[in-house]
PDB file of N, CA and C in Angstrom:
ATOM      1  N   MET A   1     158.333  41.546  56.519  1.00  0.00           N
ATOM      2  CA  MET A   1     158.017  42.373  55.364  1.00  0.00           C
ATOM      3  C   MET A   1     159.193  42.436  54.390  1.00  0.00           C
ATOM      4  N   LYS A   2     160.408  42.649  54.947  1.00  0.00           N
ATOM      5  CA  LYS A   2     161.586  42.733  54.096  1.00  0.00           C
ATOM      6  C   LYS A   2     161.848  41.414  53.388  1.00  0.00           C
ATOM      7  N   ILE A   3     161.574  40.309  54.064  1.00  0.00           N
ATOM      8  CA  ILE A   3     161.803  38.993  53.465  1.00  0.00           C
ATOM      9  C   ILE A   3     160.837  38.767  52.304  1.00  0.00           C
ATOM     10  N   ASN A   4     159.573  39.161  52.470  1.00  0.00           N
ATOM     11  CA  ASN A   4     158.595  39.013  51.397  1.00  0.00           C
ATOM     12  C   ASN A   4     158.954  39.870  50.191  1.00  0.00           C
ATOM     13  N   LEU A   5     159.410  41.078  50.441  1.00  0.00           N
ATOM     14  CA  LEU A   5     159.832  41.958  49.361  1.00  0.00           C
ATOM     15  C   LEU A   5     161.032  41.357  48.621  1.00  0.00           C
ATOM     16  N   PHE A   6     161.962  40.800  49.382  1.00  0.00           N
ATOM     17  CA  PHE A   6     163.124  40.151  48.780  1.00  0.00           C
ATOM     18  C   PHE A   6     162.691  38.966  47.914  1.00  0.00           C
ATOM     19  N   LYS A   7     161.754  38.171  48.388  1.00  0.00           N
ATOM     20  CA  LYS A   7     161.262  37.020  47.623  1.00  0.00           C
ATOM     21  C   LYS A   7     160.611  37.465  46.318  1.00  0.00           C
ATOM     22  N   ILE A   8     159.835  38.540  46.385  1.00  0.00           N
ATOM     23  CA  ILE A   8     159.172  39.064  45.188  1.00  0.00           C
ATOM     24  C   ILE A   8     160.206  39.542  44.171  1.00  0.00           C
ATOM     25  N   LEU A   9     161.183  40.301  44.633  1.00  0.00           N
ATOM     26  CA  LEU A   9     162.243  40.776  43.735  1.00  0.00           C
ATOM     27  C   LEU A   9     163.035  39.621  43.146  1.00  0.00           C
ATOM     28  N   LEU A  10     163.306  38.605  43.934  1.00  0.00           N
ATOM     29  CA  LEU A  10     164.018  37.425  43.452  1.00  0.00           C
ATOM     30  C   LEU A  10     163.212  36.712  42.365  1.00  0.00           C
ATOM     31  N   CYS A  11     161.908  36.611  42.559  1.00  0.00           N
ATOM     32  CA  CYS A  11     161.050  35.984  41.537  1.00  0.00           C
ATOM     33  C   CYS A  11     161.094  36.764  40.232  1.00  0.00           C
ATOM     34  N   PHE A  12     161.025  38.093  40.301  1.00  0.00           N
ATOM     35  CA  PHE A  12     161.106  38.906  39.095  1.00  0.00           C
ATOM     36  C   PHE A  12     162.440  38.691  38.382  1.00  0.00           C
ATOM     37  N   CYS A  13     163.499  38.601  39.155  1.00  0.00           N
ATOM     38  CA  CYS A  13     164.835  38.374  38.579  1.00  0.00           C
ATOM     39  C   CYS A  13     164.886  37.028  37.869  1.00  0.00           C
ATOM     40  N   LEU A  14     164.395  36.004  38.512  1.00  0.00           N
ATOM     41  CA  LEU A  14     164.432  34.662  37.922  1.00  0.00           C
ATOM     42  C   LEU A  14     163.554  34.567  36.679  1.00  0.00           C
ATOM     43  N   ILE A  15     162.406  35.200  36.708  1.00  0.00           N
ATOM     44  CA  ILE A  15     161.514  35.177  35.552  1.00  0.00           C
ATOM     45  C   ILE A  15     162.146  35.915  34.381  1.00  0.00           C
ATOM     46  N   SER A  16     162.761  37.053  34.632  1.00  0.00           N
ATOM     47  CA  SER A  16     163.368  37.813  33.537  1.00  0.00           C
ATOM     48  C   SER A  16     164.554  37.084  32.928  1.00  0.00           C
ATOM     49  N   CYS A  17     165.215  36.232  33.672  1.00  0.00           N
ATOM     50  CA  CYS A  17     166.355  35.478  33.151  1.00  0.00           C
ATOM     51  C   CYS A  17     165.919  34.326  32.266  1.00  0.00           C
ATOM     52  N   THR A  18     164.676  33.883  32.379  1.00  0.00           N
ATOM     53  CA  THR A  18     164.218  32.739  31.606  1.00  0.00           C
ATOM     54  C   THR A  18     163.486  33.124  30.331  1.00  0.00           C
ATOM     55  N   VAL A  19     163.339  34.409  30.053  1.00  0.00           N
ATOM     56  CA  VAL A  19     162.632  34.863  28.869  1.00  0.00           C
ATOM     57  C   VAL A  19     163.520  34.658  27.640  1.00  0.00           C
ATOM     58  N   VAL A  20     162.974  34.066  26.587  1.00  0.00           N
ATOM     59  CA  VAL A  20     163.708  33.855  25.347  1.00  0.00           C
ATOM     60  C   VAL A  20     163.866  35.191  24.639  1.00  0.00           C
ATOM     61  N   THR A  21     165.098  35.527  24.268  1.00  0.00           N
ATOM     62  CA  THR A  21     165.335  36.816  23.640  1.00  0.00           C
ATOM     63  C   THR A  21     165.440  36.725  22.119  1.00  0.00           C
ATOM     64  N   ASN A  22     165.472  35.520  21.555  1.00  0.00           N
ATOM     65  CA  ASN A  22     165.531  35.376  20.104  1.00  0.00           C
ATOM     66  C   ASN A  22     164.134  35.537  19.530  1.00  0.00           C
ATOM     67  N   THR A  23     163.853  36.684  18.966  1.00  0.00           N
ATOM     68  CA  THR A  23     162.559  36.940  18.369  1.00  0.00           C
ATOM     69  C   THR A  23     162.751  37.288  16.903  1.00  0.00           C
ATOM     70  N   ASN A  24     161.759  36.985  16.123  1.00  0.00           N
ATOM     71  CA  ASN A  24     161.820  37.327  14.709  1.00  0.00           C
ATOM     72  C   ASN A  24     161.566  38.811  14.533  1.00  0.00           C
ATOM     73  N   GLU A  25     162.404  39.421  13.730  1.00  0.00           N
ATOM     74  CA  GLU A  25     162.219  40.823  13.374  1.00  0.00           C
ATOM     75  C   GLU A  25     161.919  40.881  11.889  1.00  0.00           C
ATOM     76  N   ARG A  26     161.089  41.837  11.494  1.00  0.00           N
ATOM     77  CA  ARG A  26     160.683  41.962  10.095  1.00  0.00           C
ATOM     78  C   ARG A  26     161.316  43.211   9.490  1.00  0.00           C
ATOM     79  N   TYR A  27     161.894  43.028   8.292  1.00  0.00           N
ATOM     80  CA  TYR A  27     162.526  44.115   7.565  1.00  0.00           C
ATOM     81  C   TYR A  27     161.921  44.185   6.174  1.00  0.00           C
ATOM     82  N   THR A  28     161.678  45.385   5.695  1.00  0.00           N
ATOM     83  CA  THR A  28     161.200  45.590   4.339  1.00  0.00           C
ATOM     84  C   THR A  28     162.195  46.502   3.649  1.00  0.00           C
ATOM     85  N   GLY A  29     162.670  46.048   2.483  1.00  0.00           N
ATOM     86  CA  GLY A  29     163.661  46.837   1.769  1.00  0.00           C
ATOM     87  C   GLY A  29     163.941  46.265   0.397  1.00  0.00           C
ATOM     88  N   TYR A  30     165.124  46.581  -0.118  1.00  0.00           N
ATOM     89  CA  TYR A  30     165.498  46.235  -1.485  1.00  0.00           C
ATOM     90  C   TYR A  30     166.774  45.399  -1.479  1.00  0.00           C
ATOM     91  N   ILE A  31     166.760  44.301  -2.231  1.00  0.00           N
ATOM     92  CA  ILE A  31     167.949  43.450  -2.325  1.00  0.00           C
ATOM     93  C   ILE A  31     169.019  44.189  -3.129  1.00  0.00           C
ATOM     94  N   THR A  32     170.216  44.274  -2.558  1.00  0.00           N
ATOM     95  CA  THR A  32     171.335  44.889  -3.281  1.00  0.00           C
ATOM     96  C   THR A  32     172.319  43.838  -3.760  1.00  0.00           C
ATOM     97  N   GLU A  33     172.345  42.679  -3.088  1.00  0.00           N
ATOM     98  CA  GLU A  33     173.247  41.603  -3.495  1.00  0.00           C
ATOM     99  C   GLU A  33     172.674  40.275  -3.039  1.00  0.00           C
ATOM    100  N   LEU A  34     172.783  39.270  -3.915  1.00  0.00           N
ATOM    101  CA  LEU A  34     172.318  37.925  -3.610  1.00  0.00           C
ATOM    102  C   LEU A  34     173.409  36.960  -4.047  1.00  0.00           C
ATOM    103  N   ASN A  35     174.009  36.263  -3.097  1.00  0.00           N
ATOM    104  CA  ASN A  35     175.089  35.337  -3.404  1.00  0.00           C
ATOM    105  C   ASN A  35     174.772  34.002  -2.756  1.00  0.00           C
ATOM    106  N   TYR A  36     174.253  33.076  -3.562  1.00  0.00           N
ATOM    107  CA  TYR A  36     173.844  31.795  -3.000  1.00  0.00           C
ATOM    108  C   TYR A  36     175.050  30.931  -2.643  1.00  0.00           C
ATOM    109  N   ASN A  37     176.174  31.085  -3.342  1.00  0.00           N
ATOM    110  CA  ASN A  37     177.371  30.301  -3.019  1.00  0.00           C
ATOM    111  C   ASN A  37     177.898  30.649  -1.627  1.00  0.00           C
ATOM    112  N   ASN A  38     177.867  31.925  -1.272  1.00  0.00           N
ATOM    113  CA  ASN A  38     178.304  32.359   0.064  1.00  0.00           C
ATOM    114  C   ASN A  38     177.164  32.359   1.063  1.00  0.00           C
ATOM    115  N   LYS A  39     175.966  31.990   0.599  1.00  0.00           N
ATOM    116  CA  LYS A  39     174.774  31.929   1.450  1.00  0.00           C
ATOM    117  C   LYS A  39     174.472  33.274   2.111  1.00  0.00           C
ATOM    118  N   THR A  40     174.528  34.366   1.313  1.00  0.00           N
ATOM    119  CA  THR A  40     174.234  35.689   1.852  1.00  0.00           C
ATOM    120  C   THR A  40     173.265  36.451   0.963  1.00  0.00           C
ATOM    121  N   LEU A  41     172.512  37.302   1.575  1.00  0.00           N
ATOM    122  CA  LEU A  41     171.608  38.217   0.895  1.00  0.00           C
ATOM    123  C   LEU A  41     171.758  39.560   1.601  1.00  0.00           C
ATOM    124  N   ILE A  42     172.074  40.601   0.836  1.00  0.00           N
ATOM    125  CA  ILE A  42     172.223  41.924   1.426  1.00  0.00           C
ATOM    126  C   ILE A  42     171.029  42.768   1.015  1.00  0.00           C
ATOM    127  N   MET A  43     170.400  43.384   1.999  1.00  0.00           N
ATOM    128  CA  MET A  43     169.210  44.181   1.760  1.00  0.00           C
ATOM    129  C   MET A  43     169.411  45.591   2.292  1.00  0.00           C
ATOM    130  N   LYS A  44     168.950  46.569   1.506  1.00  0.00           N
ATOM    131  CA  LYS A  44     168.988  47.963   1.945  1.00  0.00           C
ATOM    132  C   LYS A  44     167.663  48.284   2.617  1.00  0.00           C
ATOM    133  N   VAL A  45     167.758  48.627   3.893  1.00  0.00           N
ATOM    134  CA  VAL A  45     166.576  48.973   4.689  1.00  0.00           C
ATOM    135  C   VAL A  45     166.828  50.346   5.296  1.00  0.00           C
ATOM    136  N   GLU A  46     166.047  51.332   4.854  1.00  0.00           N
ATOM    137  CA  GLU A  46     166.151  52.699   5.375  1.00  0.00           C
ATOM    138  C   GLU A  46     167.604  53.186   5.399  1.00  0.00           C
ATOM    139  N   ASN A  47     168.257  53.155   4.252  1.00  0.00           N
ATOM    140  CA  ASN A  47     169.641  53.633   4.085  1.00  0.00           C
ATOM    141  C   ASN A  47     170.671  52.863   4.903  1.00  0.00           C
ATOM    142  N   LYS A  48     170.330  51.651   5.317  1.00  0.00           N
ATOM    143  CA  LYS A  48     171.243  50.794   6.064  1.00  0.00           C
ATOM    144  C   LYS A  48     171.308  49.449   5.356  1.00  0.00           C
ATOM    145  N   LEU A  49     172.515  48.907   5.172  1.00  0.00           N
ATOM    146  CA  LEU A  49     172.674  47.595   4.557  1.00  0.00           C
ATOM    147  C   LEU A  49     172.710  46.531   5.644  1.00  0.00           C
ATOM    148  N   ILE A  50     171.875  45.507   5.481  1.00  0.00           N
ATOM    149  CA  ILE A  50     171.829  44.405   6.431  1.00  0.00           C
ATOM    150  C   ILE A  50     172.214  43.132   5.697  1.00  0.00           C
ATOM    151  N   ASN A  51     173.159  42.397   6.261  1.00  0.00           N
ATOM    152  CA  ASN A  51     173.655  41.160   5.676  1.00  0.00           C
ATOM    153  C   ASN A  51     172.913  39.984   6.313  1.00  0.00           C
ATOM    154  N   PHE A  52     172.081  39.305   5.534  1.00  0.00           N
ATOM    155  CA  PHE A  52     171.310  38.163   6.021  1.00  0.00           C
ATOM    156  C   PHE A  52     171.995  36.864   5.619  1.00  0.00           C
ATOM    157  N   GLU A  53     171.909  35.863   6.489  1.00  0.00           N
ATOM    158  CA  GLU A  53     172.481  34.540   6.240  1.00  0.00           C
ATOM    159  C   GLU A  53     171.411  33.634   5.629  1.00  0.00           C
ATOM    160  N   LEU A  54     171.788  32.939   4.548  1.00  0.00           N
ATOM    161  CA  LEU A  54     170.876  32.001   3.894  1.00  0.00           C
ATOM    162  C   LEU A  54     171.206  30.546   4.238  1.00  0.00           C
ATOM    163  N   ALA A  55     172.156  30.323   5.132  1.00  0.00           N
ATOM    164  CA  ALA A  55     172.616  28.965   5.432  1.00  0.00           C
ATOM    165  C   ALA A  55     171.489  28.064   5.938  1.00  0.00           C
ATOM    166  N   ASN A  56     170.519  28.606   6.642  1.00  0.00           N
ATOM    167  CA  ASN A  56     169.417  27.813   7.195  1.00  0.00           C
ATOM    168  C   ASN A  56     168.113  28.032   6.443  1.00  0.00           C
ATOM    169  N   TYR A  57     168.223  28.466   5.179  1.00  0.00           N
ATOM    170  CA  TYR A  57     167.024  28.746   4.394  1.00  0.00           C
ATOM    171  C   TYR A  57     167.135  28.056   3.051  1.00  0.00           C
ATOM    172  N   LYS A  58     166.083  27.360   2.664  1.00  0.00           N
ATOM    173  CA  LYS A  58     166.073  26.562   1.432  1.00  0.00           C
ATOM    174  C   LYS A  58     165.447  27.359   0.294  1.00  0.00           C
ATOM    175  N   LEU A  59     166.227  27.542  -0.785  1.00  0.00           N
ATOM    176  CA  LEU A  59     165.735  28.232  -1.972  1.00  0.00           C
ATOM    177  C   LEU A  59     165.972  27.352  -3.192  1.00  0.00           C
ATOM    178  N   ASP A  60     164.959  27.221  -4.054  1.00  0.00           N
ATOM    179  CA  ASP A  60     165.160  26.484  -5.301  1.00  0.00           C
ATOM    180  C   ASP A  60     165.546  27.473  -6.402  1.00  0.00           C
ATOM    181  N   ILE A  61     165.857  26.967  -7.573  1.00  0.00           N
ATOM    182  CA  ILE A  61     166.347  27.805  -8.674  1.00  0.00           C
ATOM    183  C   ILE A  61     165.297  28.827  -9.123  1.00  0.00           C
ATOM    184  N   ILE A  62     164.030  28.450  -9.112  1.00  0.00           N
ATOM    185  CA  ILE A  62     162.969  29.371  -9.523  1.00  0.00           C
ATOM    186  C   ILE A  62     162.872  30.532  -8.529  1.00  0.00           C
ATOM    187  N   THR A  63     162.947  30.218  -7.245  1.00  0.00           N
ATOM    188  CA  THR A  63     162.884  31.261  -6.220  1.00  0.00           C
ATOM    189  C   THR A  63     164.097  32.172  -6.293  1.00  0.00           C
ATOM    190  N   LEU A  64     165.274  31.599  -6.531  1.00  0.00           N
ATOM    191  CA  LEU A  64     166.483  32.425  -6.677  1.00  0.00           C
ATOM    192  C   LEU A  64     166.334  33.399  -7.839  1.00  0.00           C
ATOM    193  N   ASN A  65     165.830  32.919  -8.954  1.00  0.00           N
ATOM    194  CA  ASN A  65     165.613  33.793 -10.109  1.00  0.00           C
ATOM    195  C   ASN A  65     164.590  34.881  -9.796  1.00  0.00           C
ATOM    196  N   HIS A  66     163.558  34.528  -9.040  1.00  0.00           N
ATOM    197  CA  HIS A  66     162.544  35.516  -8.665  1.00  0.00           C
ATOM    198  C   HIS A  66     163.166  36.599  -7.763  1.00  0.00           C
ATOM    199  N   LEU A  67     164.016  36.186  -6.828  1.00  0.00           N
ATOM    200  CA  LEU A  67     164.679  37.159  -5.955  1.00  0.00           C
ATOM    201  C   LEU A  67     165.624  38.055  -6.750  1.00  0.00           C
ATOM    202  N   LYS A  68     166.306  37.473  -7.744  1.00  0.00           N
ATOM    203  CA  LYS A  68     167.173  38.284  -8.610  1.00  0.00           C
ATOM    204  C   LYS A  68     166.340  39.283  -9.410  1.00  0.00           C
ATOM    205  N   GLN A  69     165.137  38.861  -9.827  1.00  0.00           N
ATOM    206  CA  GLN A  69     164.223  39.763 -10.526  1.00  0.00           C
ATOM    207  C   GLN A  69     163.854  40.945  -9.627  1.00  0.00           C
ATOM    208  N   HIS A  70     163.590  40.669  -8.359  1.00  0.00           N
ATOM    209  CA  HIS A  70     163.308  41.744  -7.397  1.00  0.00           C
ATOM    210  C   HIS A  70     164.501  42.687  -7.294  1.00  0.00           C
ATOM    211  N   MET A  71     165.702  42.130  -7.273  1.00  0.00           N
ATOM    212  CA  MET A  71     166.904  42.939  -7.148  1.00  0.00           C
ATOM    213  C   MET A  71     167.075  43.848  -8.361  1.00  0.00           C
ATOM    214  N   LEU A  72     166.875  43.302  -9.563  1.00  0.00           N
ATOM    215  CA  LEU A  72     167.068  44.076 -10.787  1.00  0.00           C
ATOM    216  C   LEU A  72     165.973  45.114 -11.011  1.00  0.00           C
ATOM    217  N   SER A  73     164.753  44.781 -10.632  1.00  0.00           N
ATOM    218  CA  SER A  73     163.642  45.708 -10.864  1.00  0.00           C
ATOM    219  C   SER A  73     163.462  46.718  -9.729  1.00  0.00           C
ATOM    220  N   GLY A  74     164.091  46.453  -8.587  1.00  0.00           N
ATOM    221  CA  GLY A  74     163.963  47.370  -7.459  1.00  0.00           C
ATOM    222  C   GLY A  74     162.669  47.211  -6.682  1.00  0.00           C
ATOM    223  N   GLU A  75     162.030  46.048  -6.827  1.00  0.00           N
ATOM    224  CA  GLU A  75     160.804  45.785  -6.069  1.00  0.00           C
ATOM    225  C   GLU A  75     161.162  45.413  -4.627  1.00  0.00           C
ATOM    226  N   PRO A  76     160.451  45.958  -3.653  1.00  0.00           N
ATOM    227  CA  PRO A  76     160.774  45.641  -2.255  1.00  0.00           C
ATOM    228  C   PRO A  76     160.340  44.238  -1.851  1.00  0.00           C
ATOM    229  N   LEU A  77     161.000  43.716  -0.829  1.00  0.00           N
ATOM    230  CA  LEU A  77     160.687  42.423  -0.225  1.00  0.00           C
ATOM    231  C   LEU A  77     160.603  42.598   1.280  1.00  0.00           C
ATOM    232  N   SER A  78     159.960  41.639   1.924  1.00  0.00           N
ATOM    233  CA  SER A  78     159.960  41.589   3.387  1.00  0.00           C
ATOM    234  C   SER A  78     160.723  40.348   3.821  1.00  0.00           C
ATOM    235  N   ILE A  79     161.572  40.519   4.813  1.00  0.00           N
ATOM    236  CA  ILE A  79     162.341  39.404   5.347  1.00  0.00           C
ATOM    237  C   ILE A  79     162.146  39.384   6.858  1.00  0.00           C
ATOM    238  N   GLU A  80     161.834  38.195   7.367  1.00  0.00           N
ATOM    239  CA  GLU A  80     161.807  37.987   8.809  1.00  0.00           C
ATOM    240  C   GLU A  80     163.060  37.213   9.156  1.00  0.00           C
ATOM    241  N   SER A  81     163.733  37.642  10.212  1.00  0.00           N
ATOM    242  CA  SER A  81     164.957  36.961  10.598  1.00  0.00           C
ATOM    243  C   SER A  81     165.086  36.907  12.106  1.00  0.00           C
ATOM    244  N   GLU A  82     165.933  35.993  12.526  1.00  0.00           N
ATOM    245  CA  GLU A  82     166.231  35.814  13.931  1.00  0.00           C
ATOM    246  C   GLU A  82     167.719  36.098  14.105  1.00  0.00           C
ATOM    247  N   LYS A  83     168.058  36.981  15.005  1.00  0.00           N
ATOM    248  CA  LYS A  83     169.461  37.326  15.212  1.00  0.00           C
ATOM    249  C   LYS A  83     170.065  36.357  16.222  1.00  0.00           C
ATOM    250  N   ILE A  84     171.025  35.559  15.735  1.00  0.00           N
ATOM    251  CA  ILE A  84     171.693  34.569  16.565  1.00  0.00           C
ATOM    252  C   ILE A  84     173.191  34.789  16.441  1.00  0.00           C
ATOM    253  N   ASN A  85     173.838  34.988  17.567  1.00  0.00           N
ATOM    254  CA  ASN A  85     175.286  35.237  17.600  1.00  0.00           C
ATOM    255  C   ASN A  85     175.687  36.378  16.679  1.00  0.00           C
ATOM    256  N   GLY A  86     174.877  37.422  16.631  1.00  0.00           N
ATOM    257  CA  GLY A  86     175.202  38.598  15.837  1.00  0.00           C
ATOM    258  C   GLY A  86     174.904  38.478  14.357  1.00  0.00           C
ATOM    259  N   LYS A  87     174.349  37.337  13.911  1.00  0.00           N
ATOM    260  CA  LYS A  87     174.038  37.134  12.498  1.00  0.00           C
ATOM    261  C   LYS A  87     172.531  37.062  12.317  1.00  0.00           C
ATOM    262  N   TYR A  88     172.065  37.644  11.203  1.00  0.00           N
ATOM    263  CA  TYR A  88     170.646  37.630  10.874  1.00  0.00           C
ATOM    264  C   TYR A  88     170.328  36.375  10.066  1.00  0.00           C
ATOM    265  N   ASN A  89     169.685  35.387  10.679  1.00  0.00           N
ATOM    266  CA  ASN A  89     169.294  34.151  10.012  1.00  0.00           C
ATOM    267  C   ASN A  89     167.854  34.274   9.534  1.00  0.00           C
ATOM    268  N   ILE A  90     167.663  34.124   8.228  1.00  0.00           N
ATOM    269  CA  ILE A  90     166.343  34.310   7.624  1.00  0.00           C
ATOM    270  C   ILE A  90     165.397  33.191   8.036  1.00  0.00           C
ATOM    271  N   THR A  91     164.192  33.574   8.435  1.00  0.00           N
ATOM    272  CA  THR A  91     163.147  32.601   8.743  1.00  0.00           C
ATOM    273  C   THR A  91     161.990  32.673   7.751  1.00  0.00           C
ATOM    274  N   LYS A  92     161.908  33.807   6.999  1.00  0.00           N
ATOM    275  CA  LYS A  92     160.823  33.949   6.025  1.00  0.00           C
ATOM    276  C   LYS A  92     161.156  35.074   5.050  1.00  0.00           C
ATOM    277  N   ILE A  93     160.945  34.801   3.754  1.00  0.00           N
ATOM    278  CA  ILE A  93     161.074  35.827   2.710  1.00  0.00           C
ATOM    279  C   ILE A  93     159.727  35.914   2.018  1.00  0.00           C
ATOM    280  N   SER A  94     159.214  37.134   1.871  1.00  0.00           N
ATOM    281  CA  SER A  94     157.920  37.281   1.204  1.00  0.00           C
ATOM    282  C   SER A  94     157.859  38.575   0.416  1.00  0.00           C
ATOM    283  N   ASP A  95     156.993  38.552  -0.620  1.00  0.00           N
ATOM    284  CA  ASP A  95     156.689  39.769  -1.367  1.00  0.00           C
ATOM    285  C   ASP A  95     155.847  40.666  -0.468  1.00  0.00           C
ATOM    286  N   ILE A  96     155.668  41.886  -0.890  1.00  0.00           N
ATOM    287  CA  ILE A  96     154.844  42.824  -0.132  1.00  0.00           C
ATOM    288  C   ILE A  96     153.400  42.328  -0.030  1.00  0.00           C
ATOM    289  N   ASP A  97     152.936  41.601  -1.058  1.00  0.00           N
ATOM    290  CA  ASP A  97     151.558  41.090  -1.034  1.00  0.00           C
ATOM    291  C   ASP A  97     151.397  39.840  -0.159  1.00  0.00           C
ATOM    292  N   GLY A  98     152.518  39.337   0.411  1.00  0.00           N
ATOM    293  CA  GLY A  98     152.440  38.188   1.311  1.00  0.00           C
ATOM    294  C   GLY A  98     152.866  36.867   0.714  1.00  0.00           C
ATOM    295  N   THR A  99     153.169  36.815  -0.585  1.00  0.00           N
ATOM    296  CA  THR A  99     153.620  35.574  -1.215  1.00  0.00           C
ATOM    297  C   THR A  99     154.954  35.160  -0.612  1.00  0.00           C
ATOM    298  N   ILE A 100     155.028  33.939  -0.069  1.00  0.00           N
ATOM    299  CA  ILE A 100     156.229  33.452   0.613  1.00  0.00           C
ATOM    300  C   ILE A 100     157.143  32.758  -0.384  1.00  0.00           C
ATOM    301  N   HIS A 101     158.459  33.009  -0.248  1.00  0.00           N
ATOM    302  CA  HIS A 101     159.469  32.397  -1.110  1.00  0.00           C
ATOM    303  C   HIS A 101     160.419  31.556  -0.273  1.00  0.00           C
ATOM    304  N   GLY A 102     160.598  30.300  -0.665  1.00  0.00           N
ATOM    305  CA  GLY A 102     161.493  29.413   0.054  1.00  0.00           C
ATOM    306  C   GLY A 102     160.912  29.007   1.399  1.00  0.00           C
ATOM    307  N   GLU A 103     161.763  28.315   2.181  1.00  0.00           N
ATOM    308  CA  GLU A 103     161.336  27.881   3.501  1.00  0.00           C
ATOM    309  C   GLU A 103     162.555  27.600   4.375  1.00  0.00           C
ATOM    310  N   PRO A 104     162.395  27.727   5.687  1.00  0.00           N
ATOM    311  CA  PRO A 104     163.519  27.437   6.570  1.00  0.00           C
ATOM    312  C   PRO A 104     163.876  25.953   6.515  1.00  0.00           C
ATOM    313  N   ILE A 105     165.149  25.642   6.653  1.00  0.00           N
ATOM    314  CA  ILE A 105     165.596  24.247   6.721  1.00  0.00           C
ATOM    315  C   ILE A 105     165.363  23.778   8.146  1.00  0.00           C
ATOM    316  N   GLU A 106     164.644  22.697   8.273  1.00  0.00           N
ATOM    317  CA  GLU A 106     164.325  22.154   9.621  1.00  0.00           C
ATOM    318  C   GLU A 106     165.425  21.262  10.101  1.00  0.00           C
TER     319      GLU A 106
END
C-alpha cells in the first residue's frame, strides 16, 4: 500500500514539473511611453506601470503612428504578453474592439 501511494505521489510530482509555465497574460490600459528605438512600450494598468518589450514584435510605421495616437488621445489598448526571464514580451496588441496591430516576429 505504501509503495503504491509513493508511486502515485511521484507521478504527481513528475507531471507538475513538466507543465509549461509560460502563459500569455492579457493587460488592458493606457500607453504612457512608446520608444521603438529602445524596443519598449510602457503601459499604465490599474495605477501600475508595466514595461513591455517590443524586440520580438513587428510594427510598421502606420501601426506605430496608430499606437502614438492611442497614447495622445488616452484610448485604452489590450496587450497580451508572455513573461520570459522577468521581461514582458508582447505577443499581441489590439484595440478594445479586437482590431490587431502588428504581429510577433517568428
